[in-house]
C-alpha atoms as a PDB file:
ATOM      1  CA  MET A   1    -114.101 -25.222 -62.102  1.00  0.00           C
ATOM      2  CA  SER A   2    -115.495 -21.696 -61.886  1.00  0.00           C
ATOM      3  CA  ILE A   3    -114.513 -18.632 -63.922  1.00  0.00           C
ATOM      4  CA  GLU A   4    -113.327 -16.993 -60.681  1.00  0.00           C
ATOM      5  CA  THR A   5    -110.974 -19.924 -59.993  1.00  0.00           C
ATOM      6  CA  LEU A   6    -109.581 -19.876 -63.525  1.00  0.00           C
ATOM      7  CA  SER A   7    -109.095 -16.098 -63.374  1.00  0.00           C
ATOM      8  CA  LEU A   8    -107.165 -16.432 -60.118  1.00  0.00           C
ATOM      9  CA  PHE A   9    -105.024 -19.202 -61.627  1.00  0.00           C
ATOM     10  CA  VAL A  10    -104.235 -17.017 -64.650  1.00  0.00           C
ATOM     11  CA  ALA A  11    -103.267 -14.098 -62.372  1.00  0.00           C
ATOM     12  CA  VAL A  12    -101.005 -16.285 -60.204  1.00  0.00           C
ATOM     13  CA  SER A  13     -99.402 -17.942 -63.240  1.00  0.00           C
ATOM     14  CA  LEU A  14     -98.698 -14.606 -64.951  1.00  0.00           C
ATOM     15  CA  GLY A  15     -97.154 -13.270 -61.755  1.00  0.00           C
ATOM     16  CA  LEU A  16     -94.775 -16.234 -61.696  1.00  0.00           C
ATOM     17  CA  LEU A  17     -93.975 -16.240 -65.421  1.00  0.00           C
ATOM     18  CA  LEU A  18     -93.311 -12.494 -65.751  1.00  0.00           C
ATOM     19  CA  VAL A  19     -90.470 -12.565 -63.201  1.00  0.00           C
ATOM     20  CA  PRO A  20     -87.162 -12.624 -65.160  1.00  0.00           C
ATOM     21  CA  GLY A  21     -85.220 -15.838 -64.681  1.00  0.00           C
ATOM     22  CA  PRO A  22     -82.901 -18.159 -66.620  1.00  0.00           C
ATOM     23  CA  LEU A  23     -85.507 -18.960 -69.284  1.00  0.00           C
ATOM     24  CA  VAL A  24     -86.412 -15.310 -69.791  1.00  0.00           C
ATOM     25  CA  MET A  25     -82.744 -14.390 -70.240  1.00  0.00           C
ATOM     26  CA  LEU A  26     -82.315 -17.348 -72.586  1.00  0.00           C
ATOM     27  CA  THR A  27     -85.288 -16.053 -74.579  1.00  0.00           C
ATOM     28  CA  ILE A  28     -83.696 -12.596 -74.803  1.00  0.00           C
ATOM     29  CA  ASP A  29     -80.389 -14.147 -75.871  1.00  0.00           C
ATOM     30  CA  THR A  30     -82.137 -16.222 -78.560  1.00  0.00           C
ATOM     31  CA  ALA A  31     -84.159 -13.241 -79.824  1.00  0.00           C
ATOM     32  CA  CYS A  32     -80.925 -11.251 -80.194  1.00  0.00           C
ATOM     33  CA  LYS A  33     -79.492 -13.954 -82.443  1.00  0.00           C
ATOM     34  CA  TYR A  34     -82.517 -15.361 -84.245  1.00  0.00           C
ATOM     35  CA  ARG A  35     -85.287 -12.817 -83.600  1.00  0.00           C
ATOM     36  CA  THR A  36     -88.803 -13.841 -82.524  1.00  0.00           C
ATOM     37  CA  ALA A  37     -88.914 -16.823 -84.892  1.00  0.00           C
ATOM     38  CA  GLY A  38     -86.014 -18.466 -83.062  1.00  0.00           C
ATOM     39  CA  ALA A  39     -87.412 -17.616 -79.637  1.00  0.00           C
ATOM     40  CA  LEU A  40     -90.675 -19.317 -80.626  1.00  0.00           C
ATOM     41  CA  TRP A  41     -88.938 -22.708 -80.850  1.00  0.00           C
ATOM     42  CA  LEU A  42     -87.193 -22.121 -77.534  1.00  0.00           C
ATOM     43  CA  ALA A  43     -90.563 -21.244 -75.967  1.00  0.00           C
ATOM     44  CA  LEU A  44     -92.187 -24.355 -77.426  1.00  0.00           C
ATOM     45  CA  GLY A  45     -89.469 -26.479 -75.836  1.00  0.00           C
ATOM     46  CA  SER A  46     -89.970 -24.756 -72.496  1.00  0.00           C
ATOM     47  CA  ALA A  47     -93.757 -25.145 -72.670  1.00  0.00           C
ATOM     48  CA  THR A  48     -93.341 -28.838 -73.483  1.00  0.00           C
ATOM     49  CA  SER A  49     -91.185 -29.190 -70.382  1.00  0.00           C
ATOM     50  CA  GLY A  50     -93.915 -27.548 -68.324  1.00  0.00           C
ATOM     51  CA  LEU A  51     -96.461 -30.039 -69.613  1.00  0.00           C
ATOM     52  CA  LEU A  52     -94.151 -32.965 -68.801  1.00  0.00           C
ATOM     53  CA  LYS A  53     -93.550 -31.666 -65.279  1.00  0.00           C
ATOM     54  CA  ALA A  54     -97.243 -31.113 -64.678  1.00  0.00           C
ATOM     55  CA  ILE A  55     -98.110 -34.606 -65.926  1.00  0.00           C
ATOM     56  CA  ALA A  56     -95.362 -36.075 -63.737  1.00  0.00           C
ATOM     57  CA  ALA A  57     -96.694 -34.169 -60.727  1.00  0.00           C
ATOM     58  CA  MET A  58    -100.251 -35.385 -61.249  1.00  0.00           C
ATOM     59  CA  ALA A  59     -99.016 -38.945 -61.870  1.00  0.00           C
ATOM     60  CA  GLY A  60     -97.438 -39.063 -58.420  1.00  0.00           C
ATOM     61  CA  VAL A  61     -93.787 -38.499 -59.296  1.00  0.00           C
ATOM     62  CA  ALA A  62     -93.702 -35.590 -56.833  1.00  0.00           C
ATOM     63  CA  SER A  63     -94.593 -37.984 -54.012  1.00  0.00           C
ATOM     64  CA  LEU A  64     -91.791 -40.335 -55.065  1.00  0.00           C
ATOM     65  CA  LEU A  65     -89.259 -37.494 -55.104  1.00  0.00           C
ATOM     66  CA  THR A  66     -90.408 -36.481 -51.620  1.00  0.00           C
ATOM     67  CA  MET A  67     -90.072 -40.067 -50.371  1.00  0.00           C
ATOM     68  CA  PHE A  68     -86.637 -40.512 -51.946  1.00  0.00           C
ATOM     69  CA  PRO A  69     -84.820 -37.155 -51.579  1.00  0.00           C
ATOM     70  CA  ILE A  70     -81.574 -38.630 -52.916  1.00  0.00           C
ATOM     71  CA  ALA A  71     -83.260 -38.960 -56.328  1.00  0.00           C
ATOM     72  CA  LEU A  72     -84.276 -35.291 -56.249  1.00  0.00           C
ATOM     73  CA  THR A  73     -80.749 -34.299 -55.210  1.00  0.00           C
ATOM     74  CA  LEU A  74     -79.215 -36.293 -58.057  1.00  0.00           C
ATOM     75  CA  LEU A  75     -81.540 -34.698 -60.607  1.00  0.00           C
ATOM     76  CA  GLN A  76     -80.775 -31.240 -59.180  1.00  0.00           C
ATOM     77  CA  ALA A  77     -77.029 -31.857 -59.461  1.00  0.00           C
ATOM     78  CA  ILE A  78     -77.374 -32.936 -63.092  1.00  0.00           C
ATOM     79  CA  GLY A  79     -79.485 -29.843 -63.811  1.00  0.00           C
ATOM     80  CA  ALA A  80     -76.983 -27.541 -62.102  1.00  0.00           C
ATOM     81  CA  VAL A  81     -74.101 -28.948 -64.161  1.00  0.00           C
ATOM     82  CA  TYR A  82     -76.166 -28.561 -67.340  1.00  0.00           C
ATOM     83  CA  LEU A  83     -76.841 -24.869 -66.608  1.00  0.00           C
ATOM     84  CA  LEU A  84     -73.099 -24.242 -66.163  1.00  0.00           C
ATOM     85  CA  TRP A  85     -72.393 -25.979 -69.477  1.00  0.00           C
ATOM     86  CA  LEU A  86     -75.159 -23.997 -71.178  1.00  0.00           C
ATOM     87  CA  ALA A  87     -73.773 -20.704 -69.830  1.00  0.00           C
ATOM     88  CA  LEU A  88     -70.420 -21.528 -71.436  1.00  0.00           C
ATOM     89  CA  GLN A  89     -72.110 -22.437 -74.721  1.00  0.00           C
ATOM     90  CA  ILE A  90     -74.087 -19.169 -74.782  1.00  0.00           C
ATOM     91  CA  PHE A  91     -70.945 -17.129 -74.170  1.00  0.00           C
ATOM     92  CA  ARG A  92     -69.069 -18.961 -76.914  1.00  0.00           C
ATOM     93  CA  GLU A  93     -71.919 -18.499 -79.382  1.00  0.00           C
ATOM     94  CA  PHE A  94     -71.942 -14.743 -78.845  1.00  0.00           C
ATOM     95  CA  SER A  95     -68.147 -14.591 -79.022  1.00  0.00           C
ATOM     96  CA  ASN A  96     -68.118 -16.440 -82.346  1.00  0.00           C
ATOM     97  CA  SER A  97     -71.158 -14.741 -83.885  1.00  0.00           C
ATOM     98  CA  PRO A  98     -70.764 -12.086 -86.570  1.00  0.00           C
ATOM     99  CA  GLN A  99     -71.749  -8.508 -85.787  1.00  0.00           C
ATOM    100  CA  LEU A 100     -75.527  -8.467 -85.256  1.00  0.00           C
ATOM    101  CA  ASN A 101     -77.343  -5.798 -87.226  1.00  0.00           C
ATOM    102  CA  GLY A 102     -80.953  -4.921 -87.954  1.00  0.00           C
ATOM    103  CA  GLU A 103     -80.842  -7.406 -90.838  1.00  0.00           C
ATOM    104  CA  LEU A 104     -79.896 -10.966 -89.975  1.00  0.00           C
ATOM    105  CA  SER A 105     -76.850 -12.387 -91.694  1.00  0.00           C
ATOM    106  CA  ASP A 106     -77.268 -15.449 -93.922  1.00  0.00           C
ATOM    107  CA  GLU A 107     -75.703 -17.546 -91.149  1.00  0.00           C
ATOM    108  CA  LEU A 108     -78.265 -16.408 -88.588  1.00  0.00           C
ATOM    109  CA  LYS A 109     -81.200 -16.810 -90.986  1.00  0.00           C
ATOM    110  CA  GLN A 110     -80.676 -20.589 -90.812  1.00  0.00           C
ATOM    111  CA  LEU A 111     -82.675 -21.350 -87.692  1.00  0.00           C
ATOM    112  CA  PRO A 112     -81.314 -24.329 -85.721  1.00  0.00           C
ATOM    113  CA  VAL A 113     -84.888 -25.347 -84.889  1.00  0.00           C
ATOM    114  CA  LYS A 114     -84.025 -28.647 -83.216  1.00  0.00           C
ATOM    115  CA  LEU A 115     -81.240 -27.081 -81.128  1.00  0.00           C
ATOM    116  CA  LEU A 116     -83.457 -24.253 -79.906  1.00  0.00           C
ATOM    117  CA  PHE A 117     -86.371 -26.565 -79.046  1.00  0.00           C
ATOM    118  CA  VAL A 118     -84.115 -28.981 -77.146  1.00  0.00           C
ATOM    119  CA  ARG A 119     -82.388 -26.079 -75.379  1.00  0.00           C
ATOM    120  CA  GLY A 120     -85.718 -24.727 -74.158  1.00  0.00           C
ATOM    121  CA  LEU A 121     -86.845 -28.195 -73.102  1.00  0.00           C
ATOM    122  CA  THR A 122     -83.679 -29.177 -71.242  1.00  0.00           C
ATOM    123  CA  THR A 123     -83.200 -25.807 -69.545  1.00  0.00           C
ATOM    124  CA  ALA A 124     -86.728 -25.923 -68.153  1.00  0.00           C
ATOM    125  CA  LEU A 125     -86.227 -29.552 -67.099  1.00  0.00           C
ATOM    126  CA  ALA A 126     -82.920 -28.718 -65.399  1.00  0.00           C
ATOM    127  CA  ASN A 127     -84.643 -28.009 -62.090  1.00  0.00           C
ATOM    128  CA  PRO A 128     -86.710 -31.061 -61.051  1.00  0.00           C
ATOM    129  CA  LYS A 129     -88.331 -29.039 -58.268  1.00  0.00           C
ATOM    130  CA  GLY A 130     -90.697 -27.798 -60.953  1.00  0.00           C
ATOM    131  CA  ILE A 131     -92.523 -31.100 -60.474  1.00  0.00           C
ATOM    132  CA  LEU A 132     -92.993 -30.302 -56.791  1.00  0.00           C
ATOM    133  CA  PHE A 133     -94.104 -26.796 -57.758  1.00  0.00           C
ATOM    134  CA  PHE A 134     -96.928 -28.088 -59.952  1.00  0.00           C
ATOM    135  CA  ALA A 135     -97.881 -30.654 -57.314  1.00  0.00           C
ATOM    136  CA  ALA A 136     -98.283 -27.803 -54.831  1.00  0.00           C
ATOM    137  CA  LEU A 137     -99.901 -25.287 -57.203  1.00  0.00           C
ATOM    138  CA  PHE A 138    -102.570 -27.293 -59.004  1.00  0.00           C
ATOM    139  CA  PRO A 139    -104.469 -28.653 -55.968  1.00  0.00           C
ATOM    140  CA  GLN A 140    -105.171 -25.062 -54.857  1.00  0.00           C
ATOM    141  CA  PHE A 141    -107.384 -24.608 -57.938  1.00  0.00           C
ATOM    142  CA  ILE A 142    -108.940 -28.051 -58.310  1.00  0.00           C
ATOM    143  CA  ASN A 143    -112.481 -28.895 -57.226  1.00  0.00           C
ATOM    144  CA  ALA A 144    -112.509 -32.257 -55.437  1.00  0.00           C
ATOM    145  CA  ASN A 145    -116.005 -32.987 -56.755  1.00  0.00           C
ATOM    146  CA  ASP A 146    -114.967 -32.855 -60.417  1.00  0.00           C
ATOM    147  CA  SER A 147    -112.620 -34.953 -62.562  1.00  0.00           C
ATOM    148  CA  LEU A 148    -109.031 -34.567 -61.328  1.00  0.00           C
ATOM    149  CA  TRP A 149    -107.369 -35.224 -64.685  1.00  0.00           C
ATOM    150  CA  GLN A 150    -109.827 -33.120 -66.673  1.00  0.00           C
ATOM    151  CA  GLN A 151    -109.205 -30.105 -64.452  1.00  0.00           C
ATOM    152  CA  SER A 152    -105.457 -30.749 -64.454  1.00  0.00           C
ATOM    153  CA  LEU A 153    -105.372 -30.830 -68.255  1.00  0.00           C
ATOM    154  CA  VAL A 154    -107.179 -27.485 -68.371  1.00  0.00           C
ATOM    155  CA  LEU A 155    -104.697 -25.937 -65.931  1.00  0.00           C
ATOM    156  CA  MET A 156    -101.749 -27.421 -67.858  1.00  0.00           C
ATOM    157  CA  ALA A 157    -103.050 -25.973 -71.126  1.00  0.00           C
ATOM    158  CA  ILE A 158    -103.586 -22.536 -69.576  1.00  0.00           C
ATOM    159  CA  PHE A 159    -100.151 -22.437 -67.919  1.00  0.00           C
ATOM    160  CA  SER A 160     -98.327 -23.576 -71.086  1.00  0.00           C
ATOM    161  CA  SER A 161    -100.233 -21.068 -73.232  1.00  0.00           C
ATOM    162  CA  LEU A 162     -99.399 -18.240 -70.838  1.00  0.00           C
ATOM    163  CA  GLU A 163     -95.758 -19.306 -70.826  1.00  0.00           C
ATOM    164  CA  LEU A 164     -95.654 -19.134 -74.617  1.00  0.00           C
ATOM    165  CA  ILE A 165     -97.293 -15.704 -74.631  1.00  0.00           C
ATOM    166  CA  VAL A 166     -94.936 -14.270 -71.994  1.00  0.00           C
ATOM    167  CA  MET A 167     -91.778 -15.631 -73.624  1.00  0.00           C
ATOM    168  CA  LEU A 168     -92.832 -14.418 -77.071  1.00  0.00           C
ATOM    169  CA  ALA A 169     -93.623 -10.992 -75.606  1.00  0.00           C
ATOM    170  CA  TYR A 170     -90.085 -10.815 -74.195  1.00  0.00           C
ATOM    171  CA  ALA A 171     -88.755 -11.959 -77.584  1.00  0.00           C
ATOM    172  CA  ALA A 172     -90.768  -9.349 -79.512  1.00  0.00           C
ATOM    173  CA  ILE A 173     -89.551  -6.557 -77.218  1.00  0.00           C
ATOM    174  CA  THR A 174     -85.963  -7.791 -77.538  1.00  0.00           C
ATOM    175  CA  THR A 175     -86.243  -7.886 -81.330  1.00  0.00           C
ATOM    176  CA  ARG A 176     -87.487  -4.287 -81.395  1.00  0.00           C
ATOM    177  CA  VAL A 177     -84.703  -3.124 -79.079  1.00  0.00           C
ATOM    178  CA  SER A 178     -82.081  -5.035 -81.087  1.00  0.00           C
ATOM    179  CA  THR A 179     -83.296  -3.382 -84.288  1.00  0.00           C
ATOM    180  CA  ALA A 180     -83.338   0.058 -82.658  1.00  0.00           C
ATOM    181  CA  PHE A 181     -79.790  -0.438 -81.393  1.00  0.00           C
ATOM    182  CA  SER A 182     -78.585  -1.880 -84.667  1.00  0.00           C
ATOM    183  CA  GLY A 183     -74.841  -1.394 -84.949  1.00  0.00           C
ATOM    184  CA  ASN A 184     -74.493  -0.569 -81.244  1.00  0.00           C
ATOM    185  CA  ARG A 185     -72.343  -3.371 -79.859  1.00  0.00           C
ATOM    186  CA  ALA A 186     -72.932  -2.281 -76.246  1.00  0.00           C
ATOM    187  CA  TRP A 187     -76.486  -3.701 -76.254  1.00  0.00           C
ATOM    188  CA  PHE A 188     -75.303  -7.102 -77.453  1.00  0.00           C
ATOM    189  CA  ASP A 189     -72.399  -7.085 -75.013  1.00  0.00           C
ATOM    190  CA  VAL A 190     -74.866  -6.652 -72.152  1.00  0.00           C
ATOM    191  CA  VAL A 191     -76.856  -9.693 -73.285  1.00  0.00           C
ATOM    192  CA  ARG A 192     -73.644 -11.583 -73.965  1.00  0.00           C
ATOM    193  CA  TRP A 193     -72.562 -11.233 -70.335  1.00  0.00           C
ATOM    194  CA  VAL A 194     -75.849 -11.082 -68.443  1.00  0.00           C
ATOM    195  CA  THR A 195     -77.409 -14.261 -69.862  1.00  0.00           C
ATOM    196  CA  PRO A 196     -74.524 -16.597 -68.882  1.00  0.00           C
ATOM    197  CA  LEU A 197     -74.283 -14.885 -65.478  1.00  0.00           C
ATOM    198  CA  VAL A 198     -77.985 -15.524 -64.801  1.00  0.00           C
ATOM    199  CA  LEU A 199     -77.565 -19.178 -65.776  1.00  0.00           C
ATOM    200  CA  ILE A 200     -74.491 -19.484 -63.540  1.00  0.00           C
ATOM    201  CA  SER A 201     -76.410 -17.853 -60.675  1.00  0.00           C
ATOM    202  CA  ALA A 202     -79.286 -20.304 -61.142  1.00  0.00           C
ATOM    203  CA  SER A 203     -76.822 -23.173 -61.080  1.00  0.00           C
ATOM    204  CA  GLY A 204     -75.222 -21.754 -57.931  1.00  0.00           C
ATOM    205  CA  ALA A 205     -78.626 -21.476 -56.269  1.00  0.00           C
ATOM    206  CA  MET A 206     -79.290 -25.140 -57.031  1.00  0.00           C
ATOM    207  CA  TRP A 207     -75.919 -26.181 -55.576  1.00  0.00           C
ATOM    208  CA  TRP A 208     -76.656 -24.075 -52.480  1.00  0.00           C
ATOM    209  CA  ASP A 209     -80.027 -25.777 -52.111  1.00  0.00           C
ATOM    210  CA  ILE A 210     -78.353 -29.198 -52.375  1.00  0.00           C
ATOM    211  CA  TRP A 211     -75.761 -28.175 -49.779  1.00  0.00           C
ATOM    212  CA  ASN A 212     -78.439 -26.968 -47.334  1.00  0.00           C
ATOM    213  CA  SER A 213     -80.443 -30.181 -47.707  1.00  0.00           C
ATOM    214  CA  TYR A 214     -77.694 -32.141 -45.952  1.00  0.00           C
END
């Protein structure tokens, strides 16, 4: 695998990861509540999901989902319901949280590490089409004359690392903005409403995709 191929893969991956979506908004929401340290665990969960999807794609699961579309539809429906539930949870958390200031309260200093990791993992897994995405993306950068799994592992590592970097960058920016707007409830109200709305929109898009597949 040449340097030119890897550079192109990095450019394509960054272009995809930088576009704001449900996970980016979830990262911003988490950084508002738990700062960058909390967002790190969310990002680790999301990156783990990416690795699992990539492994599944290379192991042939994508072919099975293509052969049995009802399985893909079922997984999509479960993911769509989960995103709706998560949107409600996010809204409730913000509604019940104490006023967020530049200094974290004692309650917020206690990082729910397991919760944040699982939330990142399950949110990223919510859309099973990610498996099809990796199955379509990776072959474009793989040399047929070299080891398939060795090249795939390299691409997986690069993509997951870039995902961590991008999500932590969003978290760091959010932390700075939250500190700058300390005491200004308007900033937190925006996040409080926008994050659940993005998750609901993502869920709606998945339901629309299911509807159009029949």
